[in-house]
Amino acid sequence: MDTALQAERFIEHVGFTACLTDTRRPGPSLYVAVCGRRDVVMPRNVQKDPECSQAWRLKDEVMRRGRVYYAKLGRGQAMFVAPRMVPYFNALWGVRRRAEKKTFSNAALAVLRVLRKEWEMGTADLRAESGVSDRRRFLQAVDELQAAMIVIPSEAVYEPKFTYLWALAEERFPAELARRIDRRTALREVARCFLDGAGLTVPGELARVTGLSRPEAGLGNRALVKEGYAVMIGPGTYVLSGFAVPAPKSMM
């Protein structure tokens, strides 16, 4: 994988993917796709690894182009999400405007007020304007807003020094974030998206990849079983119905 367009096509195909994980972690990964091998283990010295550098460059370019969603989502995992999956992720992790004051810290609310006025700002300017001068508190505030699918990094700037530009997600994905999806439907479609790519999911895998709780991941998988899209072949283990193996007699 050499270009941002190829990376965007990959993300659209898999629906959602981690950025810099290797084969020790389940689920699709931009880094693994760049390497083009199934047995990839990320080296300790990532700065000198050409494939890590290529994945990082593509991450920056895809983020700047803004055609797929990128942010830290469930459990702080940096993830790309195809536009078709944004409404479902938003149904699971999004925070409605009327609930913001009860949900976010004072620091996150301060950052959000500035961004809703300015729409896009670099890290240093946003810290200064919001009054959240402590670096750790600021980063925690931004992570809160990313996890709620309200704020995204829109560009990485390296000169004169490294910084991110931060923007409102609704500016880039207004239609997707405006769609209202009920939670059960969202769980089912996220489970479907993952199972389409994996073919088989084992106990805890969907939860680990997406940041869902294990009970909610189970609800999504069982909804696929109910409609005949998947088969449960063991506790917490699901396979696409077209590739199902016979269930043990104890489950029949």
Protein backbone atom coordinates (compact mmCIF):
# COMPACT_ATOMS: atom_id res chain seq x y z
CA MET A 1 0.00 0.00 0.00
CA ASP A 2 1.62 3.21 -1.19
CA THR A 3 -1.00 5.96 -1.48
CA ALA A 4 -3.67 7.62 0.63
CA LEU A 5 -6.28 6.58 -1.93
CA GLN A 6 -5.33 2.93 -1.46
CA ALA A 7 -5.51 3.40 2.31
CA GLU A 8 -8.98 4.96 2.03
CA ARG A 9 -10.18 2.07 -0.13
CA PHE A 10 -8.84 -0.39 2.44
CA ILE A 11 -10.66 1.42 5.26
CA GLU A 12 -13.89 1.50 3.26
CA HIS A 13 -13.57 -2.22 2.56
CA VAL A 14 -13.01 -3.30 6.19
CA GLY A 15 -15.33 -0.65 7.71
CA PHE A 16 -13.06 0.24 10.61
CA THR A 17 -9.42 -0.40 11.42
CA ALA A 18 -6.72 0.33 13.93
CA CYS A 19 -3.76 2.38 12.78
CA LEU A 20 -0.49 1.00 14.16
CA THR A 21 -1.23 -2.46 15.56
CA ASP A 22 0.33 -5.71 14.41
CA THR A 23 -0.85 -9.33 14.21
CA ARG A 24 -0.58 -9.81 17.97
CA ARG A 25 -3.79 -7.78 18.24
CA PRO A 26 -7.01 -8.93 16.53
CA GLY A 27 -8.78 -6.87 13.91
CA PRO A 28 -7.69 -5.03 10.78
CA SER A 29 -4.73 -2.67 10.90
CA LEU A 30 -3.40 -0.03 8.52
CA TYR A 31 0.16 -1.02 9.46
CA VAL A 32 -0.45 -4.69 8.60
CA ALA A 33 -2.03 -3.63 5.31
CA VAL A 34 1.03 -1.51 4.50
CA CYS A 35 3.31 -4.47 5.23
CA GLY A 36 1.19 -6.83 3.14
CA ARG A 37 2.03 -9.83 5.35
CA ARG A 38 -0.03 -11.77 7.89
CA ASP A 39 2.81 -12.39 10.37
CA VAL A 40 3.80 -8.77 11.04
CA VAL A 41 5.28 -7.86 14.43
CA MET A 42 6.10 -4.20 14.98
CA PRO A 43 9.80 -3.63 15.76
CA ARG A 44 10.91 -1.98 18.97
CA ASN A 45 12.66 0.85 17.14
CA VAL A 46 9.74 2.08 15.04
CA GLN A 47 11.51 5.31 14.01
CA LYS A 48 13.94 3.38 11.81
CA ASP A 49 11.41 0.96 10.35
CA PRO A 50 10.37 1.95 6.80
CA GLU A 51 6.99 0.22 7.02
CA CYS A 52 6.12 2.00 10.28
CA SER A 53 7.15 5.28 8.68
CA GLN A 54 4.99 4.55 5.63
CA ALA A 55 1.96 3.72 7.80
CA TRP A 56 2.48 6.91 9.82
CA ARG A 57 2.79 9.02 6.66
CA LEU A 58 -0.39 7.51 5.25
CA LYS A 59 -2.18 8.11 8.55
CA ASP A 60 -1.29 11.80 8.39
CA GLU A 61 -2.33 12.13 4.75
CA VAL A 62 -5.63 10.28 5.19
CA MET A 63 -6.40 12.36 8.27
CA ARG A 64 -5.69 15.59 6.35
CA ARG A 65 -7.86 14.54 3.39
CA GLY A 66 -10.78 13.97 5.75
CA ARG A 67 -12.60 11.38 3.65
CA VAL A 68 -12.66 8.78 6.43
CA TYR A 69 -13.13 9.33 10.15
CA TYR A 70 -10.06 9.22 12.41
CA ALA A 71 -9.89 9.73 16.17
CA LYS A 72 -9.31 8.01 19.49
CA LEU A 73 -12.56 6.16 20.15
CA GLY A 74 -13.52 3.34 22.53
CA ARG A 75 -10.95 2.82 25.30
CA GLY A 76 -8.71 5.45 23.74
CA GLN A 77 -7.92 3.40 20.65
CA ALA A 78 -6.88 5.37 17.57
CA MET A 79 -9.11 4.13 14.78
CA PHE A 80 -10.16 4.85 11.21
CA VAL A 81 -13.88 4.48 10.48
CA ALA A 82 -15.40 4.37 7.00
CA PRO A 83 -18.16 6.97 6.48
CA ARG A 84 -20.78 4.20 6.12
CA MET A 85 -19.98 3.04 9.68
CA VAL A 86 -19.84 6.48 11.34
CA PRO A 87 -23.59 6.58 12.23
CA TYR A 88 -23.30 3.23 14.04
CA PHE A 89 -20.19 4.22 15.98
CA ASN A 90 -21.83 7.53 16.87
CA ALA A 91 -24.87 5.67 18.19
CA LEU A 92 -22.59 3.72 20.53
CA TRP A 93 -20.17 6.41 21.67
CA GLY A 94 -21.64 9.77 20.68
CA VAL A 95 -22.90 12.24 23.29
CA ARG A 96 -25.95 14.36 22.56
CA ARG A 97 -25.55 18.09 23.06
CA ARG A 98 -28.08 18.21 25.90
CA ALA A 99 -26.01 15.65 27.84
CA GLU A 100 -22.62 17.34 27.44
CA LYS A 101 -22.62 19.23 30.75
CA LYS A 102 -23.36 16.04 32.69
CA THR A 103 -20.88 13.96 30.71
CA PHE A 104 -17.74 16.03 30.20
CA SER A 105 -15.20 17.49 32.60
CA ASN A 106 -14.92 21.27 32.99
CA ALA A 107 -11.71 21.19 30.94
CA ALA A 108 -13.41 19.34 28.07
CA LEU A 109 -16.32 21.80 28.12
CA ALA A 110 -13.88 24.71 27.98
CA VAL A 111 -12.07 23.22 24.98
CA LEU A 112 -15.37 22.51 23.25
CA ARG A 113 -16.62 26.09 23.73
CA VAL A 114 -13.53 27.44 21.97
CA LEU A 115 -13.74 24.99 19.08
CA ARG A 116 -17.41 25.73 18.50
CA LYS A 117 -16.42 29.36 18.12
CA GLU A 118 -13.25 28.91 16.04
CA TRP A 119 -13.94 25.51 14.34
CA GLU A 120 -10.25 24.61 14.01
CA MET A 121 -7.20 25.40 16.14
CA GLY A 122 -3.70 24.13 16.83
CA THR A 123 -2.87 22.56 20.18
CA ALA A 124 -1.00 25.53 21.68
CA ASP A 125 -3.62 28.10 20.67
CA LEU A 126 -6.45 25.88 21.86
CA ARG A 127 -4.81 25.40 25.25
CA ALA A 128 -4.34 29.13 25.61
CA GLU A 129 -7.85 30.10 24.48
CA SER A 130 -9.56 27.44 26.60
CA GLY A 131 -7.57 28.26 29.72
CA VAL A 132 -6.59 24.60 30.15
CA SER A 133 -2.90 25.31 30.48
CA ASP A 134 -1.90 22.03 32.11
CA ARG A 135 -0.80 19.70 29.31
CA ARG A 136 -2.08 16.53 30.93
CA ARG A 137 -5.52 17.98 31.66
CA PHE A 138 -5.73 19.33 28.12
CA LEU A 139 -4.90 15.98 26.53
CA GLN A 140 -7.43 14.23 28.77
CA ALA A 141 -10.05 16.80 27.75
CA VAL A 142 -9.36 16.30 24.05
CA ASP A 143 -9.49 12.52 24.50
CA GLU A 144 -12.91 12.86 26.17
CA LEU A 145 -14.19 14.82 23.19
CA GLN A 146 -12.67 12.42 20.67
CA ALA A 147 -14.21 9.40 22.42
CA ALA A 148 -17.62 11.11 22.21
CA MET A 149 -17.16 11.68 18.45
CA ILE A 150 -17.28 15.46 18.77
CA VAL A 151 -13.66 16.48 18.13
CA ILE A 152 -11.15 15.04 15.67
CA PRO A 153 -7.54 15.76 14.72
CA SER A 154 -7.80 17.30 11.27
CA GLU A 155 -4.12 17.63 10.38
CA ALA A 156 -0.64 16.96 11.72
CA VAL A 157 1.75 19.90 11.29
CA TYR A 158 5.51 19.35 11.63
CA GLU A 159 6.95 22.83 11.00
CA PRO A 160 8.07 24.90 12.85
CA LYS A 161 7.27 22.23 15.47
CA PHE A 162 4.99 19.24 15.68
CA THR A 163 1.35 19.89 16.56
CA TYR A 164 -2.14 18.72 15.70
CA LEU A 165 -4.92 20.88 14.38
CA TRP A 166 -8.21 20.08 16.13
CA ALA A 167 -11.64 20.44 14.56
CA LEU A 168 -15.29 19.57 15.09
CA ALA A 169 -16.25 16.20 13.64
CA GLU A 170 -19.59 17.55 12.44
CA GLU A 171 -17.79 19.88 10.05
CA ARG A 172 -16.44 16.93 8.03
CA PHE A 173 -19.19 14.36 8.59
CA PRO A 174 -22.43 16.32 9.07
CA ALA A 175 -24.79 13.85 7.38
CA GLU A 176 -23.30 10.77 9.02
CA LEU A 177 -23.37 12.27 12.52
CA ALA A 178 -26.91 13.58 12.06
CA ARG A 179 -28.35 10.10 11.42
CA ARG A 180 -30.15 8.61 14.40
CA ILE A 181 -29.55 4.90 14.91
CA ASP A 182 -30.82 2.90 17.87
CA ARG A 183 -28.20 1.17 20.00
CA ARG A 184 -29.24 -2.42 19.22
CA THR A 185 -29.02 -1.77 15.49
CA ALA A 186 -25.61 -0.17 15.95
CA LEU A 187 -24.31 -3.16 17.94
CA ARG A 188 -25.56 -5.55 15.26
CA GLU A 189 -24.02 -3.61 12.37
CA VAL A 190 -20.64 -3.16 14.07
CA ALA A 191 -20.62 -6.90 14.81
CA ARG A 192 -21.58 -7.61 11.18
CA CYS A 193 -18.81 -5.39 9.87
CA PHE A 194 -16.19 -7.14 11.99
CA LEU A 195 -17.43 -10.64 11.21
CA ASP A 196 -17.51 -9.86 7.46
CA GLY A 197 -13.79 -9.25 7.57
CA ALA A 198 -12.77 -11.86 10.13
CA GLY A 199 -15.13 -14.69 9.17
CA LEU A 200 -14.88 -15.97 12.76
CA THR A 201 -14.83 -14.23 16.12
CA VAL A 202 -13.79 -15.83 19.42
CA PRO A 203 -14.75 -14.84 22.99
CA GLY A 204 -13.84 -11.24 23.80
CA GLU A 205 -12.42 -10.46 20.36
CA LEU A 206 -15.08 -8.03 19.15
CA ALA A 207 -15.01 -6.20 22.49
CA ARG A 208 -11.24 -5.88 22.37
CA VAL A 209 -11.16 -4.58 18.81
CA THR A 210 -13.98 -2.03 19.15
CA GLY A 211 -13.84 -0.99 22.81
CA LEU A 212 -17.34 -2.34 23.50
CA SER A 213 -18.13 -4.19 26.69
CA ARG A 214 -18.26 -7.96 26.30
CA PRO A 215 -22.01 -8.13 27.07
CA GLU A 216 -22.77 -5.56 24.37
CA ALA A 217 -20.49 -7.28 21.88
CA GLY A 218 -22.41 -10.47 22.63
CA LEU A 219 -25.72 -8.73 21.94
CA GLY A 220 -24.44 -7.67 18.53
CA ASN A 221 -23.23 -11.15 17.63
CA ARG A 222 -26.41 -12.85 18.83
CA ALA A 223 -28.48 -10.44 16.72
CA LEU A 224 -26.59 -11.76 13.68
CA VAL A 225 -27.40 -15.33 14.74
CA LYS A 226 -31.07 -14.44 15.10
CA GLU A 227 -31.28 -13.19 11.51
CA GLY A 228 -29.32 -16.18 10.18
CA TYR A 229 -26.25 -14.19 9.22
CA ALA A 230 -24.00 -15.99 11.72
CA VAL A 231 -23.88 -19.25 13.65
CA MET A 232 -22.72 -19.70 17.24
CA ILE A 233 -20.41 -22.72 17.33
CA GLY A 234 -19.38 -22.33 20.95
CA PRO A 235 -19.78 -19.93 23.87
CA GLY A 236 -18.73 -16.51 22.53
CA THR A 237 -17.58 -18.00 19.22
CA TYR A 238 -19.42 -16.98 16.05
CA VAL A 239 -18.84 -17.72 12.39
CA LEU A 240 -20.44 -16.45 9.20
CA SER A 241 -23.30 -18.76 8.32
CA GLY A 242 -21.82 -19.62 4.93
CA PHE A 243 -18.65 -20.92 6.58
CA ALA A 244 -20.16 -22.55 9.65
CA VAL A 245 -18.84 -25.82 10.99
CA PRO A 246 -21.17 -28.34 12.65
CA ALA A 247 -22.00 -27.40 16.22
CA PRO A 248 -21.04 -29.80 19.02
CA LYS A 249 -23.82 -32.23 19.98
CA SER A 250 -24.06 -30.66 23.43
CA MET A 251 -25.25 -27.42 21.80
CA MET A 252 -27.83 -29.06 19.51
